[in-house]
């Protein structure tokens, strides 16, 4: 559970970590409080390769979007 009492989990399909795969493909941000180094490494690579949401010059992080919506 996170600090807001939400249940967190990792999804696997055919032994593939779907959470990590989404980050690798540029379709998900790494949770800003994550301590999972492979996720940060995957995000850095997808950013460098401009995959998925990293094609945008100024992608807006979900937590920043929520701040703007208040």
PDB file of N, CA and C in Angstrom:
ATOM      1  N   UNK A   1       0.842  -1.183   0.000  1.00  0.00           N
ATOM      2  CA  UNK A   1       0.000   0.000   0.000  1.00  0.00           C
ATOM      3  C   UNK A   1       0.885   1.244   0.000  1.00  0.00           C
ATOM      4  N   UNK A   2       0.401   2.262  -0.666  1.00  0.00           N
ATOM      5  CA  UNK A   2       1.165   3.502  -0.687  1.00  0.00           C
ATOM      6  C   UNK A   2       0.714   4.419   0.443  1.00  0.00           C
ATOM      7  N   UNK A   3       1.246   5.625   0.459  1.00  0.00           N
ATOM      8  CA  UNK A   3       0.951   6.558   1.544  1.00  0.00           C
ATOM      9  C   UNK A   3      -0.503   7.010   1.569  1.00  0.00           C
ATOM     10  N   UNK A   4      -1.241   6.763   0.479  1.00  0.00           N
ATOM     11  CA  UNK A   4      -2.657   7.110   0.417  1.00  0.00           C
ATOM     12  C   UNK A   4      -3.554   5.893   0.621  1.00  0.00           C
ATOM     13  N   UNK A   5      -2.949   4.788   1.083  1.00  0.00           N
ATOM     14  CA  UNK A   5      -3.655   3.534   1.369  1.00  0.00           C
ATOM     15  C   UNK A   5      -4.188   2.848   0.114  1.00  0.00           C
ATOM     16  N   UNK A   6      -3.579   3.158  -1.051  1.00  0.00           N
ATOM     17  CA  UNK A   6      -3.950   2.478  -2.293  1.00  0.00           C
ATOM     18  C   UNK A   6      -3.134   1.199  -2.390  1.00  0.00           C
ATOM     19  N   UNK A   7      -3.747   0.162  -2.911  1.00  0.00           N
ATOM     20  CA  UNK A   7      -3.042  -1.106  -3.102  1.00  0.00           C
ATOM     21  C   UNK A   7      -2.169  -0.994  -4.343  1.00  0.00           C
ATOM     22  N   UNK A   8      -0.901  -1.329  -4.201  1.00  0.00           N
ATOM     23  CA  UNK A   8       0.035  -1.328  -5.320  1.00  0.00           C
ATOM     24  C   UNK A   8       0.399  -2.770  -5.641  1.00  0.00           C
ATOM     25  N   UNK A   9       0.647  -3.045  -6.883  1.00  0.00           N
ATOM     26  CA  UNK A   9       1.017  -4.398  -7.255  1.00  0.00           C
ATOM     27  C   UNK A   9       1.727  -4.427  -8.591  1.00  0.00           C
ATOM     28  N   UNK A  10       2.293  -5.560  -8.884  1.00  0.00           N
ATOM     29  CA  UNK A  10       2.969  -5.793 -10.157  1.00  0.00           C
ATOM     30  C   UNK A  10       2.163  -6.826 -10.924  1.00  0.00           C
ATOM     31  N   UNK A  11       1.889  -6.528 -12.177  1.00  0.00           N
ATOM     32  CA  UNK A  11       1.118  -7.417 -13.040  1.00  0.00           C
ATOM     33  C   UNK A  11       2.085  -8.222 -13.899  1.00  0.00           C
ATOM     34  N   UNK A  12       1.879  -9.536 -13.941  1.00  0.00           N
ATOM     35  CA  UNK A  12       2.671 -10.418 -14.788  1.00  0.00           C
ATOM     36  C   UNK A  12       1.754 -11.145 -15.758  1.00  0.00           C
ATOM     37  N   UNK A  13       2.238 -11.307 -16.970  1.00  0.00           N
ATOM     38  CA  UNK A  13       1.543 -12.109 -17.981  1.00  0.00           C
ATOM     39  C   UNK A  13       2.605 -12.904 -18.719  1.00  0.00           C
ATOM     40  N   UNK A  14       2.470 -14.216 -18.713  1.00  0.00           N
ATOM     41  CA  UNK A  14       3.466 -15.109 -19.326  1.00  0.00           C
ATOM     42  C   UNK A  14       4.875 -14.772 -18.836  1.00  0.00           C
ATOM     43  N   UNK A  15       5.010 -14.580 -17.534  1.00  0.00           N
ATOM     44  CA  UNK A  15       6.289 -14.273 -16.882  1.00  0.00           C
ATOM     45  C   UNK A  15       6.908 -12.942 -17.316  1.00  0.00           C
ATOM     46  N   UNK A  16       6.120 -12.063 -17.912  1.00  0.00           N
ATOM     47  CA  UNK A  16       6.593 -10.734 -18.289  1.00  0.00           C
ATOM     48  C   UNK A  16       6.016  -9.729 -17.298  1.00  0.00           C
ATOM     49  N   UNK A  17       6.869  -8.885 -16.749  1.00  0.00           N
ATOM     50  CA  UNK A  17       6.441  -7.831 -15.847  1.00  0.00           C
ATOM     51  C   UNK A  17       5.801  -6.734 -16.694  1.00  0.00           C
ATOM     52  N   UNK A  18       4.480  -6.687 -16.687  1.00  0.00           N
ATOM     53  CA  UNK A  18       3.742  -5.749 -17.532  1.00  0.00           C
ATOM     54  C   UNK A  18       3.987  -4.302 -17.090  1.00  0.00           C
ATOM     55  N   UNK A  19       4.103  -4.083 -15.795  1.00  0.00           N
ATOM     56  CA  UNK A  19       4.380  -2.729 -15.301  1.00  0.00           C
ATOM     57  C   UNK A  19       5.679  -2.203 -15.905  1.00  0.00           C
ATOM     58  N   UNK A  20       6.729  -2.997 -15.818  1.00  0.00           N
ATOM     59  CA  UNK A  20       8.032  -2.611 -16.349  1.00  0.00           C
ATOM     60  C   UNK A  20       7.977  -2.472 -17.872  1.00  0.00           C
ATOM     61  N   UNK A  21       7.252  -3.354 -18.529  1.00  0.00           N
ATOM     62  CA  UNK A  21       7.151  -3.292 -19.986  1.00  0.00           C
ATOM     63  C   UNK A  21       6.497  -1.992 -20.442  1.00  0.00           C
ATOM     64  N   UNK A  22       5.491  -1.534 -19.710  1.00  0.00           N
ATOM     65  CA  UNK A  22       4.844  -0.265 -20.051  1.00  0.00           C
ATOM     66  C   UNK A  22       5.837   0.895 -19.964  1.00  0.00           C
ATOM     67  N   UNK A  23       6.692   0.868 -18.942  1.00  0.00           N
ATOM     68  CA  UNK A  23       7.707   1.915 -18.795  1.00  0.00           C
ATOM     69  C   UNK A  23       8.711   1.821 -19.938  1.00  0.00           C
ATOM     70  N   UNK A  24       9.152   0.604 -20.264  1.00  0.00           N
ATOM     71  CA  UNK A  24      10.104   0.410 -21.361  1.00  0.00           C
ATOM     72  C   UNK A  24       9.550   0.928 -22.679  1.00  0.00           C
ATOM     73  N   UNK A  25       8.253   0.719 -22.891  1.00  0.00           N
ATOM     74  CA  UNK A  25       7.618   1.133 -24.144  1.00  0.00           C
ATOM     75  C   UNK A  25       7.232   2.609 -24.156  1.00  0.00           C
ATOM     76  N   UNK A  26       7.457   3.301 -23.032  1.00  0.00           N
ATOM     77  CA  UNK A  26       7.138   4.723 -22.956  1.00  0.00           C
ATOM     78  C   UNK A  26       5.669   5.004 -22.719  1.00  0.00           C
ATOM     79  N   UNK A  27       4.931   4.024 -22.197  1.00  0.00           N
ATOM     80  CA  UNK A  27       3.498   4.201 -21.967  1.00  0.00           C
ATOM     81  C   UNK A  27       3.147   4.420 -20.501  1.00  0.00           C
ATOM     82  N   UNK A  28       4.155   4.539 -19.646  1.00  0.00           N
ATOM     83  CA  UNK A  28       3.901   4.766 -18.223  1.00  0.00           C
ATOM     84  C   UNK A  28       5.070   5.508 -17.607  1.00  0.00           C
ATOM     85  N   UNK A  29       4.766   6.318 -16.616  1.00  0.00           N
ATOM     86  CA  UNK A  29       5.777   7.014 -15.832  1.00  0.00           C
ATOM     87  C   UNK A  29       6.173   6.127 -14.666  1.00  0.00           C
ATOM     88  N   UNK A  30       7.389   6.297 -14.193  1.00  0.00           N
ATOM     89  CA  UNK A  30       7.800   5.615 -12.966  1.00  0.00           C
ATOM     90  C   UNK A  30       7.202   6.394 -11.803  1.00  0.00           C
ATOM     91  N   UNK A  31       6.617   5.680 -10.873  1.00  0.00           N
ATOM     92  CA  UNK A  31       6.050   6.303  -9.676  1.00  0.00           C
ATOM     93  C   UNK A  31       7.146   7.088  -8.975  1.00  0.00           C
ATOM     94  N   UNK A  32       6.901   8.359  -8.737  1.00  0.00           N
ATOM     95  CA  UNK A  32       7.971   9.252  -8.278  1.00  0.00           C
ATOM     96  C   UNK A  32       8.586   8.866  -6.947  1.00  0.00           C
ATOM     97  N   UNK A  33       7.934   8.018  -6.165  1.00  0.00           N
ATOM     98  CA  UNK A  33       8.505   7.575  -4.890  1.00  0.00           C
ATOM     99  C   UNK A  33       9.031   6.143  -4.967  1.00  0.00           C
ATOM    100  N   UNK A  34       9.076   5.584  -6.163  1.00  0.00           N
ATOM    101  CA  UNK A  34       9.562   4.213  -6.330  1.00  0.00           C
ATOM    102  C   UNK A  34      11.037   4.098  -5.958  1.00  0.00           C
ATOM    103  N   UNK A  35      11.379   2.949  -5.408  1.00  0.00           N
ATOM    104  CA  UNK A  35      12.778   2.665  -5.089  1.00  0.00           C
ATOM    105  C   UNK A  35      13.305   1.545  -5.992  1.00  0.00           C
ATOM    106  N   UNK A  36      12.587   1.305  -7.087  1.00  0.00           N
ATOM    107  CA  UNK A  36      12.897   0.205  -7.974  1.00  0.00           C
ATOM    108  C   UNK A  36      13.779   0.692  -9.133  1.00  0.00           C
ATOM    109  N   UNK A  37      15.070   0.467  -9.026  1.00  0.00           N
ATOM    110  CA  UNK A  37      16.051   0.978  -9.985  1.00  0.00           C
ATOM    111  C   UNK A  37      15.789   0.553 -11.440  1.00  0.00           C
ATOM    112  N   UNK A  38      15.406  -0.704 -11.709  1.00  0.00           N
ATOM    113  CA  UNK A  38      15.158  -1.082 -13.114  1.00  0.00           C
ATOM    114  C   UNK A  38      14.089  -0.227 -13.800  1.00  0.00           C
ATOM    115  N   UNK A  39      13.127   0.245 -13.038  1.00  0.00           N
ATOM    116  CA  UNK A  39      12.088   1.095 -13.618  1.00  0.00           C
ATOM    117  C   UNK A  39      12.667   2.441 -14.043  1.00  0.00           C
ATOM    118  N   UNK A  40      13.499   3.030 -13.197  1.00  0.00           N
ATOM    119  CA  UNK A  40      14.129   4.306 -13.551  1.00  0.00           C
ATOM    120  C   UNK A  40      15.055   4.146 -14.757  1.00  0.00           C
ATOM    121  N   UNK A  41      15.772   3.037 -14.808  1.00  0.00           N
ATOM    122  CA  UNK A  41      16.657   2.779 -15.945  1.00  0.00           C
ATOM    123  C   UNK A  41      15.846   2.625 -17.226  1.00  0.00           C
ATOM    124  N   UNK A  42      14.725   1.901 -17.141  1.00  0.00           N
ATOM    125  CA  UNK A  42      13.857   1.713 -18.309  1.00  0.00           C
ATOM    126  C   UNK A  42      13.271   3.033 -18.775  1.00  0.00           C
ATOM    127  N   UNK A  43      12.867   3.886 -17.823  1.00  0.00           N
ATOM    128  CA  UNK A  43      12.313   5.190 -18.205  1.00  0.00           C
ATOM    129  C   UNK A  43      13.374   6.055 -18.873  1.00  0.00           C
ATOM    130  N   UNK A  44      14.575   6.025 -18.349  1.00  0.00           N
ATOM    131  CA  UNK A  44      15.652   6.817 -18.939  1.00  0.00           C
ATOM    132  C   UNK A  44      15.920   6.392 -20.382  1.00  0.00           C
ATOM    133  N   UNK A  45      15.921   5.096 -20.634  1.00  0.00           N
ATOM    134  CA  UNK A  45      16.152   4.585 -21.992  1.00  0.00           C
ATOM    135  C   UNK A  45      14.998   4.970 -22.917  1.00  0.00           C
ATOM    136  N   UNK A  46      13.753   4.815 -22.432  1.00  0.00           N
ATOM    137  CA  UNK A  46      12.615   5.166 -23.295  1.00  0.00           C
ATOM    138  C   UNK A  46      12.582   6.668 -23.559  1.00  0.00           C
ATOM    139  N   UNK A  47      13.004   7.480 -22.591  1.00  0.00           N
ATOM    140  CA  UNK A  47      13.097   8.938 -22.817  1.00  0.00           C
ATOM    141  C   UNK A  47      14.132   9.244 -23.900  1.00  0.00           C
ATOM    142  N   UNK A  48      15.308   8.638 -23.772  1.00  0.00           N
ATOM    143  CA  UNK A  48      16.376   8.874 -24.747  1.00  0.00           C
ATOM    144  C   UNK A  48      15.960   8.462 -26.146  1.00  0.00           C
ATOM    145  N   UNK A  49      15.200   7.363 -26.240  1.00  0.00           N
ATOM    146  CA  UNK A  49      14.772   6.850 -27.537  1.00  0.00           C
ATOM    147  C   UNK A  49      13.453   7.460 -28.009  1.00  0.00           C
ATOM    148  N   UNK A  50      12.921   8.394 -27.221  1.00  0.00           N
ATOM    149  CA  UNK A  50      11.668   9.084 -27.555  1.00  0.00           C
ATOM    150  C   UNK A  50      10.542   8.110 -27.904  1.00  0.00           C
ATOM    151  N   UNK A  51      10.351   7.157 -26.999  1.00  0.00           N
ATOM    152  CA  UNK A  51       9.294   6.170 -27.187  1.00  0.00           C
ATOM    153  C   UNK A  51       8.035   6.594 -26.447  1.00  0.00           C
ATOM    154  N   UNK A  52       6.896   6.262 -27.024  1.00  0.00           N
ATOM    155  CA  UNK A  52       5.619   6.513 -26.363  1.00  0.00           C
ATOM    156  C   UNK A  52       5.402   7.975 -26.028  1.00  0.00           C
ATOM    157  N   UNK A  53       5.090   8.242 -24.761  1.00  0.00           N
ATOM    158  CA  UNK A  53       4.799   9.617 -24.362  1.00  0.00           C
ATOM    159  C   UNK A  53       6.005  10.522 -24.428  1.00  0.00           C
ATOM    160  N   UNK A  54       7.191   9.958 -24.555  1.00  0.00           N
ATOM    161  CA  UNK A  54       8.415  10.766 -24.614  1.00  0.00           C
ATOM    162  C   UNK A  54       8.638  11.382 -25.992  1.00  0.00           C
ATOM    163  N   UNK A  55       7.746  11.082 -26.945  1.00  0.00           N
ATOM    164  CA  UNK A  55       7.786  11.753 -28.247  1.00  0.00           C
ATOM    165  C   UNK A  55       7.474  13.237 -28.048  1.00  0.00           C
ATOM    166  N   UNK A  56       6.561  13.516 -27.115  1.00  0.00           N
ATOM    167  CA  UNK A  56       6.168  14.893 -26.800  1.00  0.00           C
ATOM    168  C   UNK A  56       7.358  15.637 -26.189  1.00  0.00           C
ATOM    169  N   UNK A  57       7.570  16.862 -26.605  1.00  0.00           N
ATOM    170  CA  UNK A  57       8.682  17.660 -26.077  1.00  0.00           C
ATOM    171  C   UNK A  57       8.489  18.025 -24.609  1.00  0.00           C
ATOM    172  N   UNK A  58       7.243  18.167 -24.183  1.00  0.00           N
ATOM    173  CA  UNK A  58       6.943  18.553 -22.804  1.00  0.00           C
ATOM    174  C   UNK A  58       5.841  17.684 -22.209  1.00  0.00           C
ATOM    175  N   UNK A  59       6.097  16.386 -22.018  1.00  0.00           N
ATOM    176  CA  UNK A  59       5.050  15.550 -21.429  1.00  0.00           C
ATOM    177  C   UNK A  59       4.769  16.000 -19.999  1.00  0.00           C
ATOM    178  N   UNK A  60       3.521  15.900 -19.604  1.00  0.00           N
ATOM    179  CA  UNK A  60       3.094  16.355 -18.290  1.00  0.00           C
ATOM    180  C   UNK A  60       2.894  15.149 -17.377  1.00  0.00           C
ATOM    181  N   UNK A  61       3.650  15.112 -16.304  1.00  0.00           N
ATOM    182  CA  UNK A  61       3.552  14.007 -15.352  1.00  0.00           C
ATOM    183  C   UNK A  61       2.156  13.982 -14.732  1.00  0.00           C
ATOM    184  N   UNK A  62       1.626  12.792 -14.445  1.00  0.00           N
ATOM    185  CA  UNK A  62       0.279  12.700 -13.869  1.00  0.00           C
ATOM    186  C   UNK A  62       0.124  13.515 -12.587  1.00  0.00           C
ATOM    187  N   UNK A  63       1.139  13.523 -11.733  1.00  0.00           N
ATOM    188  CA  UNK A  63       1.046  14.267 -10.468  1.00  0.00           C
ATOM    189  C   UNK A  63       1.030  15.772 -10.724  1.00  0.00           C
ATOM    190  N   UNK A  64       1.676  16.216 -11.806  1.00  0.00           N
ATOM    191  CA  UNK A  64       1.626  17.630 -12.163  1.00  0.00           C
ATOM    192  C   UNK A  64       0.253  17.985 -12.749  1.00  0.00           C
ATOM    193  N   UNK A  65      -0.301  17.085 -13.545  1.00  0.00           N
ATOM    194  CA  UNK A  65      -1.635  17.284 -14.109  1.00  0.00           C
ATOM    195  C   UNK A  65      -2.659  17.436 -12.987  1.00  0.00           C
ATOM    196  N   UNK A  66      -2.572  16.564 -11.990  1.00  0.00           N
ATOM    197  CA  UNK A  66      -3.516  16.615 -10.873  1.00  0.00           C
ATOM    198  C   UNK A  66      -3.392  17.938 -10.109  1.00  0.00           C
ATOM    199  N   UNK A  67      -2.173  18.451  -9.957  1.00  0.00           N
ATOM    200  CA  UNK A  67      -1.979  19.747  -9.280  1.00  0.00           C
ATOM    201  C   UNK A  67      -2.698  20.861 -10.041  1.00  0.00           C
ATOM    202  N   UNK A  68      -2.596  20.823 -11.377  1.00  0.00           N
ATOM    203  CA  UNK A  68      -3.222  21.852 -12.214  1.00  0.00           C
ATOM    204  C   UNK A  68      -4.739  21.777 -12.165  1.00  0.00           C
ATOM    205  N   UNK A  69      -5.260  20.579 -11.939  1.00  0.00           N
ATOM    206  CA  UNK A  69      -6.710  20.368 -11.972  1.00  0.00           C
ATOM    207  C   UNK A  69      -7.398  20.792 -10.684  1.00  0.00           C
ATOM    208  N   UNK A  70      -6.628  21.133  -9.657  1.00  0.00           N
ATOM    209  CA  UNK A  70      -7.236  21.500  -8.367  1.00  0.00           C
ATOM    210  C   UNK A  70      -7.786  22.901  -8.389  1.00  0.00           C
TER     211      UNK A  70
END
